[in-house]
Amino acid sequence: MRITELLKNKTGPTISFETLPPKTPKGWESIDNTLDELALLNPDFITCTFGAGGKRRDGSLEMIQKIKHQRNQEMVAHISGFGLGPDEIISVMDNFKTAGIENILVIRGDVPEIEGFEPHPQSFNYATEMIDFIKPKYDFCIGAAAYPEGHIDANSLEKDMDYMQMKIDNGADYFICNYFYNNRYYFDFMERCAARNIQVPILAGVMPIYSVKMLYLLAEICGATVTDEIKEELAKIPADDQNALNEFGIKFATEKCTELIKSGVKGLHFYTMDRFISVKGILTELRKGGLLN
């Protein structure tokens, strides 16, 4: 089912998960159990990342098999196109089409950390260009990324909104937000969208706190603000107490998700990092409180 149709027919917010093709043989050994656990949480759909410069595209296709065909889950396939030439993007799209994919998420992607990497001379520099290239050639339901705090490379919030509008004009059907730890960023972003009469569906991104190291590393990469509230609470938790960290992370995310649901959010998209314990804890609390179907 196309994501836009799924959102139209859904009562209450959708629940979705981002997964990643494992980087190591050990990761591939455990991914089936993780996907089984995530599937038991009854998501509306699962997405899978692509890898900068297409370096994990084979893994993405294997994940499509595991998620869509082996577990019968609705699927969104990412395409991170920086560095890829037009013919390579067409090859990826053809593979997605052959695999039965209806929904994609188009992002520029990061510069690959590959020694000697050289982007294709006709590589697209922006997701807007990729969407414009893909839309007339394929019948995918196209998603794009949105940034409540502004893209890390954006000159201003208004300029970032200009790029969001360009994505819509070029064919984006829905958006998934980068995560944020203060809901005020999301509410302010939605006000900017309303001011521009942007009406396509927008899903909020949720990144549970998995570890202190990962928290700060990903926040720097993604441009997400780690709030004083989080810093103060983390300072109270012993460095070696993973259980206490998990409990705090689940409680914190549950409170933020509760506020988002009560505000009428269209969907919650969890960045799982191929983990399930925290997401399971958050969804259990939300369902216990009658906030989710």
Protein backbone atom coordinates (compact mmCIF):
# COMPACT_ATOMS: atom_id res chain seq x y z
CA MET A 1 0.00 0.00 0.00
CA ARG A 2 1.18 3.51 -0.78
CA ILE A 3 2.13 5.47 2.35
CA THR A 4 -0.22 8.31 1.42
CA GLU A 5 -3.15 5.85 1.27
CA LEU A 6 -2.08 4.24 4.53
CA LEU A 7 -2.02 7.64 6.24
CA LYS A 8 -5.40 8.57 4.79
CA ASN A 9 -7.03 5.38 6.09
CA LYS A 10 -5.34 5.32 9.50
CA THR A 11 -7.22 6.30 12.64
CA GLY A 12 -4.67 7.90 14.92
CA PRO A 13 -0.93 8.21 14.28
CA THR A 14 1.03 5.68 12.26
CA ILE A 15 3.94 3.85 13.86
CA SER A 16 6.97 3.11 11.73
CA PHE A 17 10.57 1.98 12.20
CA GLU A 18 13.82 2.77 10.44
CA THR A 19 16.23 -0.15 10.10
CA LEU A 20 19.74 -0.39 8.68
CA PRO A 21 21.48 -3.11 6.65
CA PRO A 22 24.03 -4.56 9.10
CA LYS A 23 27.66 -3.64 8.51
CA THR A 24 29.20 -6.85 9.87
CA PRO A 25 28.63 -10.62 9.67
CA LYS A 26 27.77 -10.55 13.38
CA GLY A 27 25.14 -7.92 12.68
CA TRP A 28 23.57 -10.08 9.99
CA GLU A 29 23.43 -12.99 12.45
CA SER A 30 21.25 -10.98 14.86
CA ILE A 31 19.14 -8.97 12.41
CA ASP A 32 16.47 -11.66 11.98
CA ASN A 33 15.71 -11.67 15.71
CA THR A 34 15.56 -7.87 15.75
CA LEU A 35 13.19 -7.79 12.78
CA ASP A 36 11.01 -10.46 14.39
CA GLU A 37 10.77 -8.41 17.58
CA LEU A 38 10.00 -5.21 15.67
CA ALA A 39 7.32 -6.95 13.58
CA LEU A 40 5.61 -8.09 16.80
CA LEU A 41 5.12 -4.41 17.66
CA ASN A 42 2.68 -4.11 14.73
CA PRO A 43 4.20 -1.18 12.84
CA ASP A 44 2.35 0.36 9.92
CA PHE A 45 5.54 0.22 7.88
CA ILE A 46 9.29 -0.28 8.16
CA THR A 47 11.97 1.63 6.27
CA CYS A 48 15.49 0.53 5.43
CA THR A 49 18.45 2.80 4.78
CA PHE A 50 20.63 2.59 1.71
CA GLY A 51 24.16 3.56 2.71
CA ALA A 52 26.08 6.62 1.57
CA GLY A 53 27.09 6.37 -2.06
CA GLY A 54 25.16 3.13 -2.41
CA LYS A 55 27.84 1.21 -0.52
CA ARG A 56 25.24 -1.06 1.10
CA ARG A 57 22.74 -1.33 -1.74
CA ASP A 58 23.02 -5.13 -1.85
CA GLY A 59 22.28 -5.21 1.87
CA SER A 60 19.27 -3.00 1.27
CA LEU A 61 17.89 -5.51 -1.23
CA GLU A 62 18.45 -8.35 1.24
CA MET A 63 16.64 -6.34 3.92
CA ILE A 64 13.73 -5.82 1.53
CA GLN A 65 13.46 -9.59 1.24
CA LYS A 66 13.57 -10.02 5.01
CA ILE A 67 11.08 -7.26 5.82
CA LYS A 68 8.61 -7.20 2.93
CA HIS A 69 8.60 -10.75 1.67
CA GLN A 70 9.57 -12.92 4.65
CA ARG A 71 7.66 -10.91 7.29
CA ASN A 72 4.96 -9.36 5.09
CA GLN A 73 5.58 -5.87 6.45
CA GLU A 74 4.79 -2.71 4.49
CA MET A 75 8.11 -1.34 3.31
CA VAL A 76 9.78 1.94 2.38
CA ALA A 77 13.16 1.70 0.66
CA HIS A 78 15.64 4.54 1.05
CA ILE A 79 17.74 5.87 -1.79
CA SER A 80 20.73 7.97 -0.75
CA GLY A 81 21.87 9.25 -4.10
CA PHE A 82 24.92 11.41 -3.49
CA GLY A 83 27.75 10.14 -5.67
CA LEU A 84 25.55 7.99 -7.89
CA GLY A 85 25.12 8.71 -11.58
CA PRO A 86 21.72 8.74 -13.31
CA ASP A 87 22.18 5.21 -14.69
CA GLU A 88 23.00 3.90 -11.22
CA ILE A 89 19.90 5.50 -9.75
CA ILE A 90 17.78 3.98 -12.53
CA SER A 91 19.32 0.57 -11.76
CA VAL A 92 18.42 0.94 -8.07
CA MET A 93 14.87 2.06 -8.90
CA ASP A 94 14.45 -0.87 -11.28
CA ASN A 95 15.60 -3.27 -8.56
CA PHE A 96 13.13 -1.74 -6.11
CA LYS A 97 10.33 -2.05 -8.66
CA THR A 98 11.21 -5.69 -9.34
CA ALA A 99 11.19 -6.36 -5.60
CA GLY A 100 7.63 -5.06 -5.34
CA ILE A 101 8.47 -1.81 -3.58
CA GLU A 102 5.77 0.89 -3.83
CA ASN A 103 7.28 3.46 -1.46
CA ILE A 104 10.68 5.13 -1.39
CA LEU A 105 12.41 7.77 0.72
CA VAL A 106 14.70 10.03 -1.29
CA ILE A 107 17.57 11.74 0.53
CA ARG A 108 20.84 13.22 -0.63
CA GLY A 109 22.86 11.19 1.86
CA ASP A 110 26.26 11.80 3.37
CA VAL A 111 29.59 11.81 1.60
CA PRO A 112 30.76 8.17 1.81
CA GLU A 113 33.64 7.44 4.15
CA ILE A 114 35.41 5.43 1.48
CA GLU A 115 39.08 6.07 0.71
CA GLY A 116 39.46 7.44 -2.78
CA PHE A 117 35.71 7.88 -3.30
CA GLU A 118 34.88 10.02 -6.29
CA PRO A 119 31.26 10.98 -7.01
CA HIS A 120 29.94 10.33 -10.48
CA PRO A 121 30.37 13.52 -12.56
CA GLN A 122 26.60 13.60 -13.12
CA SER A 123 25.73 12.90 -9.48
CA PHE A 124 22.88 14.92 -8.04
CA ASN A 125 23.85 17.36 -5.31
CA TYR A 126 20.41 17.67 -3.71
CA ALA A 127 17.41 15.51 -2.91
CA THR A 128 15.26 18.00 -4.82
CA GLU A 129 17.12 17.10 -8.02
CA MET A 130 16.81 13.37 -7.37
CA ILE A 131 13.06 13.61 -6.79
CA ASP A 132 12.71 15.59 -10.02
CA PHE A 133 14.67 12.87 -11.85
CA ILE A 134 12.78 9.91 -10.39
CA LYS A 135 9.18 11.21 -10.36
CA PRO A 136 8.41 11.18 -14.11
CA LYS A 137 10.05 7.77 -14.62
CA TYR A 138 8.43 5.71 -11.86
CA ASP A 139 5.13 5.40 -9.99
CA PHE A 140 6.64 5.22 -6.50
CA CYS A 141 5.07 7.03 -3.58
CA ILE A 142 7.97 9.37 -2.80
CA GLY A 143 8.95 10.44 0.69
CA ALA A 144 11.54 13.03 1.63
CA ALA A 145 13.30 14.27 4.76
CA ALA A 146 12.23 17.32 6.76
CA TYR A 147 14.24 19.10 9.44
CA PRO A 148 12.43 20.75 12.37
CA GLU A 149 15.68 22.37 13.54
CA GLY A 150 16.77 23.10 9.98
CA HIS A 151 19.15 21.01 7.89
CA ILE A 152 22.66 21.12 9.29
CA ASP A 153 23.90 22.75 6.05
CA ALA A 154 21.00 25.21 5.68
CA ASN A 155 21.78 28.92 5.84
CA SER A 156 18.53 29.64 7.67
CA LEU A 157 15.25 28.05 8.69
CA GLU A 158 13.44 29.93 5.93
CA LYS A 159 15.91 28.73 3.31
CA ASP A 160 15.42 25.20 4.58
CA MET A 161 11.66 25.66 4.12
CA ASP A 162 12.32 26.79 0.54
CA TYR A 163 14.02 23.47 -0.14
CA MET A 164 11.14 21.59 1.45
CA GLN A 165 8.74 23.38 -0.88
CA MET A 166 10.97 22.48 -3.84
CA LYS A 167 10.77 18.82 -2.83
CA ILE A 168 6.98 19.07 -2.87
CA ASP A 169 6.95 20.90 -6.19
CA ASN A 170 9.18 18.19 -7.68
CA GLY A 171 6.97 15.34 -6.47
CA ALA A 172 7.44 14.51 -2.77
CA ASP A 173 4.25 12.92 -1.40
CA TYR A 174 5.09 12.79 2.32
CA PHE A 175 7.86 13.72 4.76
CA ILE A 176 9.66 12.02 7.62
CA CYS A 177 11.27 14.41 10.10
CA ASN A 178 14.74 14.28 11.48
CA TYR A 179 14.50 13.57 15.20
CA PHE A 180 14.40 16.21 17.92
CA TYR A 181 14.55 16.10 21.71
CA ASN A 182 12.45 19.19 22.36
CA ASN A 183 8.94 19.11 20.88
CA ARG A 184 9.00 22.89 20.58
CA TYR A 185 11.22 22.49 17.51
CA TYR A 186 8.57 20.31 15.88
CA PHE A 187 5.65 22.58 16.81
CA ASP A 188 7.49 25.65 15.50
CA PHE A 189 8.32 23.74 12.30
CA MET A 190 4.68 22.77 11.80
CA GLU A 191 3.72 26.42 12.24
CA ARG A 192 6.18 27.34 9.46
CA CYS A 193 4.59 24.65 7.28
CA ALA A 194 1.12 26.02 7.99
CA ALA A 195 2.27 29.53 7.13
CA ARG A 196 3.32 28.23 3.71
CA ASN A 197 0.16 26.16 3.30
CA ILE A 198 2.16 22.92 3.16
CA GLN A 199 -0.41 20.15 3.45
CA VAL A 200 1.43 16.93 2.58
CA PRO A 201 1.64 14.42 5.48
CA ILE A 202 4.54 14.94 7.90
CA LEU A 203 5.70 12.24 10.32
CA ALA A 204 7.69 13.07 13.45
CA GLY A 205 11.06 11.38 13.97
CA VAL A 206 11.83 9.77 17.32
CA MET A 207 15.35 8.73 18.36
CA PRO A 208 15.38 6.84 21.68
CA ILE A 209 18.43 7.30 23.89
CA TYR A 210 20.47 4.12 23.42
CA SER A 211 23.80 5.20 24.89
CA VAL A 212 25.44 8.47 25.93
CA LYS A 213 28.16 8.10 23.29
CA MET A 214 25.65 7.44 20.50
CA LEU A 215 23.43 10.29 21.73
CA TYR A 216 26.12 12.93 21.27
CA LEU A 217 27.67 11.41 18.15
CA LEU A 218 24.40 11.22 16.21
CA ALA A 219 23.22 14.60 17.48
CA GLU A 220 26.35 16.21 16.05
CA ILE A 221 25.99 14.42 12.72
CA CYS A 222 22.25 15.08 12.38
CA GLY A 223 22.07 18.55 13.86
CA ALA A 224 19.79 17.65 16.77
CA THR A 225 20.00 19.65 20.00
CA VAL A 226 20.67 17.68 23.19
CA THR A 227 18.60 19.59 25.73
CA ASP A 228 19.65 20.69 29.20
CA GLU A 229 16.91 18.43 30.57
CA ILE A 230 18.60 15.39 29.06
CA LYS A 231 22.07 16.45 30.20
CA GLU A 232 20.88 16.96 33.76
CA GLU A 233 19.15 13.59 33.92
CA LEU A 234 22.12 11.77 32.37
CA ALA A 235 24.41 13.29 35.00
CA LYS A 236 22.41 11.42 37.66
CA ILE A 237 22.87 8.00 36.01
CA PRO A 238 26.01 5.96 36.76
CA ALA A 239 28.13 5.53 33.62
CA ASP A 240 27.93 1.72 33.77
CA ASP A 241 24.19 1.43 34.52
CA GLN A 242 22.66 0.56 31.14
CA ASN A 243 19.35 -0.46 32.70
CA ALA A 244 18.93 2.93 34.35
CA LEU A 245 19.81 4.63 31.05
CA ASN A 246 17.23 2.53 29.21
CA GLU A 247 14.58 3.33 31.81
CA PHE A 248 15.26 7.05 31.55
CA GLY A 249 15.31 6.93 27.76
CA ILE A 250 11.98 5.10 27.61
CA LYS A 251 10.34 7.45 30.12
CA PHE A 252 11.67 10.56 28.35
CA ALA A 253 10.59 9.41 24.87
CA THR A 254 7.19 8.26 26.13
CA GLU A 255 6.50 11.71 27.57
CA LYS A 256 7.54 13.43 24.33
CA CYS A 257 5.51 11.02 22.18
CA THR A 258 2.48 11.48 24.42
CA GLU A 259 2.60 15.22 23.84
CA LEU A 260 3.02 14.73 20.09
CA ILE A 261 0.07 12.33 19.88
CA LYS A 262 -2.17 14.68 21.84
CA SER A 263 -1.18 17.47 19.44
CA GLY A 264 -2.47 15.40 16.50
CA VAL A 265 0.79 14.18 14.95
CA LYS A 266 0.24 12.12 11.78
CA GLY A 267 2.82 9.51 12.69
CA LEU A 268 5.78 8.56 14.87
CA HIS A 269 8.83 7.25 13.04
CA PHE A 270 11.32 5.51 15.33
CA TYR A 271 15.01 5.38 14.44
CA THR A 272 15.74 1.91 15.81
CA MET A 273 19.47 1.58 15.04
CA ASP A 274 18.56 -2.11 14.66
CA ARG A 275 17.56 -2.36 18.32
CA PHE A 276 14.16 -3.12 19.78
CA ILE A 277 14.16 -2.96 23.61
CA SER A 278 13.68 0.81 23.93
CA VAL A 279 11.11 1.06 21.12
CA LYS A 280 9.19 -1.84 22.62
CA GLY A 281 9.20 -0.14 26.02
CA ILE A 282 7.98 3.18 24.60
CA LEU A 283 5.17 1.63 22.55
CA THR A 284 4.10 -0.54 25.48
CA GLU A 285 3.67 2.54 27.66
CA LEU A 286 1.84 4.48 24.94
CA ARG A 287 -0.56 1.61 24.30
CA LYS A 288 -1.06 1.06 28.00
CA GLY A 289 -2.13 4.69 28.22
CA GLY A 290 -4.65 4.23 25.39
CA LEU A 291 -2.78 6.61 23.10
CA LEU A 292 -2.23 4.13 20.27
CA ASN A 293 -4.38 1.50 18.60
